[in-house]
Amino acid sequence: QVQLVESGGGLVQSGGSLRLSCAASGSIFSINAMGWYSQAPGKQRDLVAFITSDGRTNYAHSVKGRFTISRDNANNTVYLQMNSLKPEDTAVYYCYRNEMGHIYWGQGTQVTVSS
């Protein structure tokens, strides 16, 4: 089983920045996608961004131009640079890894953006 460990969440004021990290370990396949979903209280999990093994990226419209996802394949780690944060970004951010349809989840990290 793949294990994902997240870090980097915290409390930041509106307009500030955070950088999330997600490190994968366990059974690793070379072809995969990793990224984050966000989930606010009482809401569904929504895709924020993902990046494929070869570096192709995709972003939710709401974060384009503000967030940047990247990965270090050698360390099986993905990063989400979150700039110009808004209160509406407040949520638990769950890292995920997709290996040929098998989905693995990180433990979640809280991001809180104050006004």
C-alpha atoms as a PDB file:
ATOM      1  CA  GLN A   1       0.000   0.000   0.000  1.00  0.00           C
ATOM      2  CA  VAL A   2       1.127   3.501  -0.776  1.00  0.00           C
ATOM      3  CA  GLN A   3       1.496   5.797   2.206  1.00  0.00           C
ATOM      4  CA  LEU A   4       1.261   9.562   1.873  1.00  0.00           C
ATOM      5  CA  VAL A   5       2.443  11.980   4.524  1.00  0.00           C
ATOM      6  CA  GLU A   6       1.466  15.622   4.247  1.00  0.00           C
ATOM      7  CA  SER A   7       2.865  18.721   5.851  1.00  0.00           C
ATOM      8  CA  GLY A   8       2.876  22.473   5.446  1.00  0.00           C
ATOM      9  CA  GLY A   9      -0.593  23.536   6.481  1.00  0.00           C
ATOM     10  CA  GLY A  10      -1.190  26.304   8.939  1.00  0.00           C
ATOM     11  CA  LEU A  11      -2.762  29.644   9.639  1.00  0.00           C
ATOM     12  CA  VAL A  12      -2.068  32.551   7.338  1.00  0.00           C
ATOM     13  CA  GLN A  13      -3.616  35.927   6.702  1.00  0.00           C
ATOM     14  CA  SER A  14      -5.386  36.757   3.491  1.00  0.00           C
ATOM     15  CA  GLY A  15      -2.839  37.395   0.757  1.00  0.00           C
ATOM     16  CA  GLY A  16      -0.223  35.220   2.387  1.00  0.00           C
ATOM     17  CA  SER A  17       1.433  32.031   1.228  1.00  0.00           C
ATOM     18  CA  LEU A  18       1.869  28.441   2.290  1.00  0.00           C
ATOM     19  CA  ARG A  19       3.695  25.506   0.785  1.00  0.00           C
ATOM     20  CA  LEU A  20       2.265  22.028   1.164  1.00  0.00           C
ATOM     21  CA  SER A  21       4.344  18.894   0.799  1.00  0.00           C
ATOM     22  CA  CYS A  22       3.288  15.315   0.239  1.00  0.00           C
ATOM     23  CA  ALA A  23       5.770  12.455   0.395  1.00  0.00           C
ATOM     24  CA  ALA A  24       4.899   9.013  -0.919  1.00  0.00           C
ATOM     25  CA  SER A  25       6.352   5.752   0.311  1.00  0.00           C
ATOM     26  CA  GLY A  26       5.574   2.064   0.050  1.00  0.00           C
ATOM     27  CA  SER A  27       4.741   0.399  -3.222  1.00  0.00           C
ATOM     28  CA  ILE A  28       5.543   2.945  -5.911  1.00  0.00           C
ATOM     29  CA  PHE A  29       4.636   2.765  -9.594  1.00  0.00           C
ATOM     30  CA  SER A  30       6.472   4.956 -12.058  1.00  0.00           C
ATOM     31  CA  ILE A  31       3.294   6.010 -13.859  1.00  0.00           C
ATOM     32  CA  ASN A  32       1.094   7.990 -11.532  1.00  0.00           C
ATOM     33  CA  ALA A  33      -0.530  11.285 -10.735  1.00  0.00           C
ATOM     34  CA  MET A  34      -0.413  13.162  -7.459  1.00  0.00           C
ATOM     35  CA  GLY A  35      -2.159  16.228  -6.213  1.00  0.00           C
ATOM     36  CA  TRP A  36      -4.535  17.680  -3.661  1.00  0.00           C
ATOM     37  CA  TYR A  37      -8.209  17.801  -3.000  1.00  0.00           C
ATOM     38  CA  SER A  38      -9.646  20.305  -0.571  1.00  0.00           C
ATOM     39  CA  GLN A  39     -12.585  19.783   1.735  1.00  0.00           C
ATOM     40  CA  ALA A  40     -14.239  22.494   3.759  1.00  0.00           C
ATOM     41  CA  PRO A  41     -16.539  21.519   6.636  1.00  0.00           C
ATOM     42  CA  GLY A  42     -19.785  20.096   5.322  1.00  0.00           C
ATOM     43  CA  LYS A  43     -18.557  20.174   1.729  1.00  0.00           C
ATOM     44  CA  GLN A  44     -17.391  17.571  -0.744  1.00  0.00           C
ATOM     45  CA  ARG A  45     -13.786  17.068  -1.642  1.00  0.00           C
ATOM     46  CA  ASP A  46     -12.877  19.169  -4.669  1.00  0.00           C
ATOM     47  CA  LEU A  47      -9.843  18.724  -6.864  1.00  0.00           C
ATOM     48  CA  VAL A  48      -7.343  21.539  -6.427  1.00  0.00           C
ATOM     49  CA  ALA A  49      -4.468  20.461  -8.639  1.00  0.00           C
ATOM     50  CA  PHE A  50      -2.595  17.425  -9.851  1.00  0.00           C
ATOM     51  CA  ILE A  51       0.639  16.628 -11.581  1.00  0.00           C
ATOM     52  CA  THR A  52       1.547  13.561 -13.599  1.00  0.00           C
ATOM     53  CA  SER A  53       4.774  11.581 -13.491  1.00  0.00           C
ATOM     54  CA  ASP A  54       6.120  13.471 -16.483  1.00  0.00           C
ATOM     55  CA  GLY A  55       5.212  16.877 -15.094  1.00  0.00           C
ATOM     56  CA  ARG A  56       1.910  17.740 -16.740  1.00  0.00           C
ATOM     57  CA  THR A  57      -0.277  19.817 -14.450  1.00  0.00           C
ATOM     58  CA  ASN A  58      -3.921  20.686 -14.026  1.00  0.00           C
ATOM     59  CA  TYR A  59      -5.540  23.254 -11.760  1.00  0.00           C
ATOM     60  CA  ALA A  60      -8.983  24.101 -10.564  1.00  0.00           C
ATOM     61  CA  HIS A  61     -10.106  27.358 -12.102  1.00  0.00           C
ATOM     62  CA  SER A  62     -10.334  29.001  -8.687  1.00  0.00           C
ATOM     63  CA  VAL A  63      -6.614  28.551  -8.007  1.00  0.00           C
ATOM     64  CA  LYS A  64      -5.101  29.181 -11.429  1.00  0.00           C
ATOM     65  CA  GLY A  65      -2.513  31.908 -11.248  1.00  0.00           C
ATOM     66  CA  ARG A  66      -2.211  31.561  -7.481  1.00  0.00           C
ATOM     67  CA  PHE A  67      -1.162  27.953  -6.828  1.00  0.00           C
ATOM     68  CA  THR A  68       1.673  26.022  -8.394  1.00  0.00           C
ATOM     69  CA  ILE A  69       2.120  22.277  -8.144  1.00  0.00           C
ATOM     70  CA  SER A  70       5.457  20.590  -8.687  1.00  0.00           C
ATOM     71  CA  ARG A  71       7.096  17.268  -7.940  1.00  0.00           C
ATOM     72  CA  ASP A  72      10.424  15.733  -7.156  1.00  0.00           C
ATOM     73  CA  ASN A  73      10.259  12.265  -8.662  1.00  0.00           C
ATOM     74  CA  ALA A  74      13.535  11.195  -7.087  1.00  0.00           C
ATOM     75  CA  ASN A  75      12.046  11.759  -3.640  1.00  0.00           C
ATOM     76  CA  ASN A  76       8.450  10.873  -4.544  1.00  0.00           C
ATOM     77  CA  THR A  77       7.360  14.208  -3.169  1.00  0.00           C
ATOM     78  CA  VAL A  78       4.849  16.714  -4.487  1.00  0.00           C
ATOM     79  CA  TYR A  79       4.630  20.356  -3.516  1.00  0.00           C
ATOM     80  CA  LEU A  80       1.807  22.851  -3.708  1.00  0.00           C
ATOM     81  CA  GLN A  81       2.896  26.460  -3.514  1.00  0.00           C
ATOM     82  CA  MET A  82      -0.121  28.478  -2.462  1.00  0.00           C
ATOM     83  CA  ASN A  83       0.132  32.220  -2.992  1.00  0.00           C
ATOM     84  CA  SER A  84      -2.361  35.047  -2.648  1.00  0.00           C
ATOM     85  CA  LEU A  85      -4.419  32.949  -0.301  1.00  0.00           C
ATOM     86  CA  LYS A  86      -8.035  33.854   0.285  1.00  0.00           C
ATOM     87  CA  PRO A  87     -10.373  32.999   3.154  1.00  0.00           C
ATOM     88  CA  GLU A  88     -12.333  30.796   0.771  1.00  0.00           C
ATOM     89  CA  ASP A  89      -9.235  28.614   0.412  1.00  0.00           C
ATOM     90  CA  THR A  90      -9.726  27.532   4.022  1.00  0.00           C
ATOM     91  CA  ALA A  91     -10.122  23.765   4.078  1.00  0.00           C
ATOM     92  CA  VAL A  92      -8.424  20.515   4.864  1.00  0.00           C
ATOM     93  CA  TYR A  93      -6.132  19.672   1.987  1.00  0.00           C
ATOM     94  CA  TYR A  94      -5.785  15.984   1.228  1.00  0.00           C
ATOM     95  CA  CYS A  95      -2.913  14.772  -0.856  1.00  0.00           C
ATOM     96  CA  TYR A  96      -3.727  11.908  -3.195  1.00  0.00           C
ATOM     97  CA  ARG A  97      -1.888   9.546  -5.444  1.00  0.00           C
ATOM     98  CA  ASN A  98      -3.457   7.778  -8.409  1.00  0.00           C
ATOM     99  CA  GLU A  99      -1.734   4.643  -9.614  1.00  0.00           C
ATOM    100  CA  MET A 100      -3.668   3.159 -12.524  1.00  0.00           C
ATOM    101  CA  GLY A 101      -6.969   3.940 -10.866  1.00  0.00           C
ATOM    102  CA  HIS A 102      -5.952   2.991  -7.332  1.00  0.00           C
ATOM    103  CA  ILE A 103      -6.369   6.052  -5.146  1.00  0.00           C
ATOM    104  CA  TYR A 104      -4.415   6.657  -1.965  1.00  0.00           C
ATOM    105  CA  TRP A 105      -4.965   9.519   0.442  1.00  0.00           C
ATOM    106  CA  GLY A 106      -2.815  11.487   2.799  1.00  0.00           C
ATOM    107  CA  GLN A 107      -3.937  12.295   6.306  1.00  0.00           C
ATOM    108  CA  GLY A 108      -4.921  15.846   5.442  1.00  0.00           C
ATOM    109  CA  THR A 109      -3.450  19.142   6.521  1.00  0.00           C
ATOM    110  CA  GLN A 110      -5.465  22.132   7.673  1.00  0.00           C
ATOM    111  CA  VAL A 111      -5.128  25.396   5.806  1.00  0.00           C
ATOM    112  CA  THR A 112      -6.798  28.364   7.454  1.00  0.00           C
ATOM    113  CA  VAL A 113      -6.796  31.790   5.848  1.00  0.00           C
ATOM    114  CA  SER A 114      -7.971  34.606   8.042  1.00  0.00           C
ATOM    115  CA  SER A 115      -9.505  37.807   6.762  1.00  0.00           C
END
